[in-house]
C-alpha atoms as a PDB file:
ATOM      1  CA  UNK A   1      -0.259   0.402  -0.225  1.00  0.00           C
ATOM      2  CA  UNK A   2       1.013   3.054  -0.706  1.00  0.00           C
ATOM      3  CA  UNK A   3       1.054   6.148   1.491  1.00  0.00           C
ATOM      4  CA  UNK A   4      -0.250   9.295   1.284  1.00  0.00           C
ATOM      5  CA  UNK A   5       0.969  10.334   4.719  1.00  0.00           C
ATOM      6  CA  UNK A   6      -1.873  10.941   5.966  1.00  0.00           C
ATOM      7  CA  UNK A   7      -1.858   8.824   9.320  1.00  0.00           C
ATOM      8  CA  UNK A   8      -1.283  11.291  12.027  1.00  0.00           C
ATOM      9  CA  UNK A   9      -3.964  13.555  10.736  1.00  0.00           C
ATOM     10  CA  UNK A  10      -6.549  11.346  10.265  1.00  0.00           C
ATOM     11  CA  UNK A  11      -6.154   8.962  13.277  1.00  0.00           C
ATOM     12  CA  UNK A  12      -3.497  10.569  15.132  1.00  0.00           C
ATOM     13  CA  UNK A  13      -5.124  12.718  18.561  1.00  0.00           C
ATOM     14  CA  UNK A  14      -6.923  11.245  19.957  1.00  0.00           C
ATOM     15  CA  UNK A  15      -9.316  11.203  17.052  1.00  0.00           C
ATOM     16  CA  UNK A  16     -11.744   7.896  17.181  1.00  0.00           C
ATOM     17  CA  UNK A  17     -13.989   6.895  13.977  1.00  0.00           C
ATOM     18  CA  UNK A  18     -16.085   3.995  13.710  1.00  0.00           C
ATOM     19  CA  UNK A  19     -17.507   1.651  10.826  1.00  0.00           C
ATOM     20  CA  UNK A  20     -20.902   2.909   9.575  1.00  0.00           C
ATOM     21  CA  UNK A  21     -22.624  -0.870   9.963  1.00  0.00           C
ATOM     22  CA  UNK A  22     -26.224   1.186   9.344  1.00  0.00           C
ATOM     23  CA  UNK A  23     -24.959   1.227   6.221  1.00  0.00           C
ATOM     24  CA  UNK A  24     -26.321  -1.409   3.827  1.00  0.00           C
ATOM     25  CA  UNK A  25     -27.603  -1.436   0.279  1.00  0.00           C
ATOM     26  CA  UNK A  26     -26.879  -0.261  -3.438  1.00  0.00           C
ATOM     27  CA  UNK A  27     -26.815   2.930  -3.705  1.00  0.00           C
ATOM     28  CA  UNK A  28     -25.358   6.254  -6.011  1.00  0.00           C
ATOM     29  CA  UNK A  29     -22.262   7.112  -4.970  1.00  0.00           C
ATOM     30  CA  UNK A  30     -22.902  10.971  -3.410  1.00  0.00           C
ATOM     31  CA  UNK A  31     -21.365  13.711  -1.606  1.00  0.00           C
ATOM     32  CA  UNK A  32     -21.757  11.955   1.627  1.00  0.00           C
ATOM     33  CA  UNK A  33     -20.433   8.092   1.153  1.00  0.00           C
ATOM     34  CA  UNK A  34     -16.458   9.212   1.510  1.00  0.00           C
ATOM     35  CA  UNK A  35     -14.074  10.572  -0.558  1.00  0.00           C
ATOM     36  CA  UNK A  36     -12.974   9.430  -3.862  1.00  0.00           C
ATOM     37  CA  UNK A  37     -16.170   8.242  -4.897  1.00  0.00           C
ATOM     38  CA  UNK A  38     -17.264   9.119  -8.187  1.00  0.00           C
ATOM     39  CA  UNK A  39     -20.709  10.011  -7.997  1.00  0.00           C
ATOM     40  CA  UNK A  40     -23.587   7.979  -9.529  1.00  0.00           C
ATOM     41  CA  UNK A  41     -21.194   5.219  -9.657  1.00  0.00           C
ATOM     42  CA  UNK A  42     -23.600   2.484  -8.053  1.00  0.00           C
ATOM     43  CA  UNK A  43     -21.837   1.064  -4.737  1.00  0.00           C
ATOM     44  CA  UNK A  44     -22.990  -1.847  -2.956  1.00  0.00           C
ATOM     45  CA  UNK A  45     -22.981  -1.548   1.031  1.00  0.00           C
ATOM     46  CA  UNK A  46     -22.917  -4.154   3.619  1.00  0.00           C
ATOM     47  CA  UNK A  47     -22.940  -3.158   7.540  1.00  0.00           C
ATOM     48  CA  UNK A  48     -20.353   0.092   5.724  1.00  0.00           C
ATOM     49  CA  UNK A  49     -17.705  -2.460   3.472  1.00  0.00           C
ATOM     50  CA  UNK A  50     -18.681  -1.653   0.353  1.00  0.00           C
ATOM     51  CA  UNK A  51     -17.482  -2.736  -3.369  1.00  0.00           C
ATOM     52  CA  UNK A  52     -17.866  -0.849  -6.389  1.00  0.00           C
ATOM     53  CA  UNK A  53     -18.377  -2.289 -10.190  1.00  0.00           C
ATOM     54  CA  UNK A  54     -15.600  -3.686 -12.033  1.00  0.00           C
ATOM     55  CA  UNK A  55     -14.242  -1.076 -13.924  1.00  0.00           C
ATOM     56  CA  UNK A  56     -15.127   1.619 -11.447  1.00  0.00           C
ATOM     57  CA  UNK A  57     -12.738   2.802  -8.199  1.00  0.00           C
ATOM     58  CA  UNK A  58     -12.028   4.967  -5.182  1.00  0.00           C
ATOM     59  CA  UNK A  59      -8.874   6.789  -3.901  1.00  0.00           C
ATOM     60  CA  UNK A  60      -8.516   6.851  -0.212  1.00  0.00           C
ATOM     61  CA  UNK A  61      -7.290   9.848   1.810  1.00  0.00           C
ATOM     62  CA  UNK A  62      -4.330   7.716   3.205  1.00  0.00           C
ATOM     63  CA  UNK A  63      -3.021   5.667   0.039  1.00  0.00           C
ATOM     64  CA  UNK A  64      -2.865   6.815  -3.434  1.00  0.00           C
ATOM     65  CA  UNK A  65      -3.853   2.796  -5.495  1.00  0.00           C
ATOM     66  CA  UNK A  66      -6.918   2.861  -6.582  1.00  0.00           C
ATOM     67  CA  UNK A  67      -9.083   0.578  -4.914  1.00  0.00           C
ATOM     68  CA  UNK A  68     -12.912  -1.610  -5.704  1.00  0.00           C
ATOM     69  CA  UNK A  69     -13.457  -2.502  -2.301  1.00  0.00           C
ATOM     70  CA  UNK A  70     -13.771  -0.515   1.308  1.00  0.00           C
ATOM     71  CA  UNK A  71     -14.638   0.285   4.422  1.00  0.00           C
ATOM     72  CA  UNK A  72     -16.869   3.107   5.522  1.00  0.00           C
ATOM     73  CA  UNK A  73     -15.514   5.853   8.091  1.00  0.00           C
ATOM     74  CA  UNK A  74     -17.286   7.930  10.612  1.00  0.00           C
ATOM     75  CA  UNK A  75     -15.576   9.954  12.954  1.00  0.00           C
ATOM     76  CA  UNK A  76     -16.921  10.163  16.024  1.00  0.00           C
ATOM     77  CA  UNK A  77     -16.610  11.790  19.563  1.00  0.00           C
ATOM     78  CA  UNK A  78     -13.929  11.014  21.559  1.00  0.00           C
ATOM     79  CA  UNK A  79     -16.220   8.954  24.023  1.00  0.00           C
ATOM     80  CA  UNK A  80     -17.530   7.239  20.788  1.00  0.00           C
ATOM     81  CA  UNK A  81     -21.233   8.948  21.937  1.00  0.00           C
ATOM     82  CA  UNK A  82     -21.836  10.923  18.903  1.00  0.00           C
ATOM     83  CA  UNK A  83     -21.119  10.850  14.868  1.00  0.00           C
ATOM     84  CA  UNK A  84     -18.767  13.890  13.753  1.00  0.00           C
ATOM     85  CA  UNK A  85     -21.579  15.348  10.455  1.00  0.00           C
ATOM     86  CA  UNK A  86     -19.850  14.805   6.753  1.00  0.00           C
ATOM     87  CA  UNK A  87     -16.835  13.408   8.063  1.00  0.00           C
ATOM     88  CA  UNK A  88     -17.159   9.677   6.486  1.00  0.00           C
ATOM     89  CA  UNK A  89     -14.502   8.413   4.449  1.00  0.00           C
ATOM     90  CA  UNK A  90     -13.438   6.042   2.732  1.00  0.00           C
ATOM     91  CA  UNK A  91     -10.561   3.049   3.373  1.00  0.00           C
ATOM     92  CA  UNK A  92      -9.367   0.003   2.356  1.00  0.00           C
ATOM     93  CA  UNK A  93      -8.833  -2.872   5.221  1.00  0.00           C
ATOM     94  CA  UNK A  94      -5.260  -2.859   5.248  1.00  0.00           C
ATOM     95  CA  UNK A  95      -6.260   0.258   6.804  1.00  0.00           C
ATOM     96  CA  UNK A  96      -8.645  -0.222   9.022  1.00  0.00           C
ATOM     97  CA  UNK A  97      -6.665  -2.450  10.461  1.00  0.00           C
ATOM     98  CA  UNK A  98      -3.808  -0.017  10.635  1.00  0.00           C
ATOM     99  CA  UNK A  99      -5.730   2.365  12.444  1.00  0.00           C
ATOM    100  CA  UNK A 100      -6.493   0.319  14.968  1.00  0.00           C
ATOM    101  CA  UNK A 101      -3.478  -1.463  15.856  1.00  0.00           C
ATOM    102  CA  UNK A 102      -1.264   1.523  15.676  1.00  0.00           C
ATOM    103  CA  UNK A 103      -3.371   4.209  17.090  1.00  0.00           C
ATOM    104  CA  UNK A 104      -6.536   2.496  18.777  1.00  0.00           C
ATOM    105  CA  UNK A 105      -8.645   5.465  16.698  1.00  0.00           C
ATOM    106  CA  UNK A 106     -11.254   2.711  15.464  1.00  0.00           C
ATOM    107  CA  UNK A 107     -14.064   1.467  17.836  1.00  0.00           C
END
Protein backbone atom coordinates (compact mmCIF):
# COMPACT_ATOMS: atom_id res chain seq x y z
CA UNK A 1 0.00 0.00 0.00
CA UNK A 2 1.47 3.32 -1.05
CA UNK A 3 0.66 5.83 1.69
CA UNK A 4 -0.17 9.53 1.41
CA UNK A 5 1.23 10.38 4.85
CA UNK A 6 -2.09 11.50 6.36
CA UNK A 7 -2.22 8.79 9.05
CA UNK A 8 -1.36 11.04 12.00
CA UNK A 9 -3.72 13.77 10.79
CA UNK A 10 -6.69 11.39 10.51
CA UNK A 11 -6.06 8.97 13.37
CA UNK A 12 -3.70 10.74 15.78
CA UNK A 13 -4.38 13.20 18.60
CA UNK A 14 -7.21 11.10 20.05
CA UNK A 15 -9.44 11.17 16.97
CA UNK A 16 -11.89 8.24 16.97
CA UNK A 17 -13.74 6.53 14.13
CA UNK A 18 -16.31 3.78 13.71
CA UNK A 19 -17.39 1.61 10.79
CA UNK A 20 -20.70 2.95 9.40
CA UNK A 21 -22.43 -0.41 9.99
CA UNK A 22 -25.87 1.14 9.46
CA UNK A 23 -25.06 1.65 5.76
CA UNK A 24 -26.35 -1.40 3.86
CA UNK A 25 -27.79 -1.79 0.36
CA UNK A 26 -27.02 -0.49 -3.09
CA UNK A 27 -26.90 3.25 -3.51
CA UNK A 28 -25.53 5.59 -6.13
CA UNK A 29 -22.50 7.36 -4.71
CA UNK A 30 -23.01 10.96 -3.66
CA UNK A 31 -21.01 13.48 -1.67
CA UNK A 32 -21.88 11.72 1.61
CA UNK A 33 -20.63 8.19 0.81
CA UNK A 34 -16.96 8.87 1.36
CA UNK A 35 -14.02 10.59 -0.22
CA UNK A 36 -12.85 9.42 -3.60
CA UNK A 37 -15.96 7.62 -4.87
CA UNK A 38 -17.28 9.16 -8.08
CA UNK A 39 -20.87 10.42 -7.91
CA UNK A 40 -23.44 8.25 -9.67
CA UNK A 41 -21.50 4.97 -9.39
CA UNK A 42 -23.68 2.26 -7.80
CA UNK A 43 -22.04 1.17 -4.54
CA UNK A 44 -23.03 -2.07 -2.79
CA UNK A 45 -22.77 -1.57 0.99
CA UNK A 46 -22.88 -4.37 3.56
CA UNK A 47 -22.76 -3.01 7.11
CA UNK A 48 -20.34 -0.25 6.15
CA UNK A 49 -18.19 -2.36 3.87
CA UNK A 50 -18.55 -1.71 0.16
CA UNK A 51 -17.70 -2.89 -3.30
CA UNK A 52 -17.74 -0.90 -6.52
CA UNK A 53 -18.68 -2.44 -9.87
CA UNK A 54 -15.96 -3.77 -12.13
CA UNK A 55 -14.27 -0.94 -13.98
CA UNK A 56 -14.92 1.56 -11.15
CA UNK A 57 -12.47 2.49 -8.39
CA UNK A 58 -12.03 4.92 -5.52
CA UNK A 59 -9.02 6.66 -4.04
CA UNK A 60 -8.67 6.63 -0.27
CA UNK A 61 -7.26 9.64 1.57
CA UNK A 62 -4.62 7.25 2.91
CA UNK A 63 -3.32 5.62 -0.25
CA UNK A 64 -2.25 6.56 -3.73
CA UNK A 65 -3.54 3.18 -4.97
CA UNK A 66 -7.06 2.77 -6.37
CA UNK A 67 -9.41 0.16 -4.93
CA UNK A 68 -12.82 -1.42 -5.53
CA UNK A 69 -13.52 -2.64 -1.99
CA UNK A 70 -13.33 -0.72 1.23
CA UNK A 71 -14.84 0.39 4.50
CA UNK A 72 -16.87 3.51 5.20
CA UNK A 73 -15.70 5.20 8.42
CA UNK A 74 -17.44 7.94 10.39
CA UNK A 75 -15.58 10.10 12.90
CA UNK A 76 -17.06 10.11 16.40
CA UNK A 77 -16.70 12.15 19.54
CA UNK A 78 -13.85 11.05 21.82
CA UNK A 79 -16.19 8.83 23.85
CA UNK A 80 -18.03 7.47 20.80
CA UNK A 81 -21.38 8.89 21.88
CA UNK A 82 -21.95 11.07 18.79
CA UNK A 83 -20.95 11.14 15.13
CA UNK A 84 -19.18 14.14 13.63
CA UNK A 85 -21.45 15.38 10.80
CA UNK A 86 -19.95 15.17 7.31
CA UNK A 87 -16.95 13.10 8.43
CA UNK A 88 -17.38 9.94 6.35
CA UNK A 89 -14.27 8.62 4.61
CA UNK A 90 -13.67 5.52 2.49
CA UNK A 91 -10.57 3.46 3.28
CA UNK A 92 -9.34 -0.06 2.63
CA UNK A 93 -9.51 -2.95 5.14
CA UNK A 94 -5.72 -2.81 5.71
CA UNK A 95 -6.06 0.87 6.69
CA UNK A 96 -8.75 0.04 9.27
CA UNK A 97 -6.51 -2.66 10.73
CA UNK A 98 -3.54 -0.26 10.95
CA UNK A 99 -5.68 2.52 12.47
CA UNK A 100 -6.88 0.08 15.15
CA UNK A 101 -3.49 -1.44 15.92
CA UNK A 102 -1.22 1.60 15.72
CA UNK A 103 -3.53 4.45 16.75
CA UNK A 104 -6.41 2.74 18.64
CA UNK A 105 -8.55 5.06 16.54
CA UNK A 106 -11.30 2.76 15.19
CA UNK A 107 -13.92 1.34 17.55
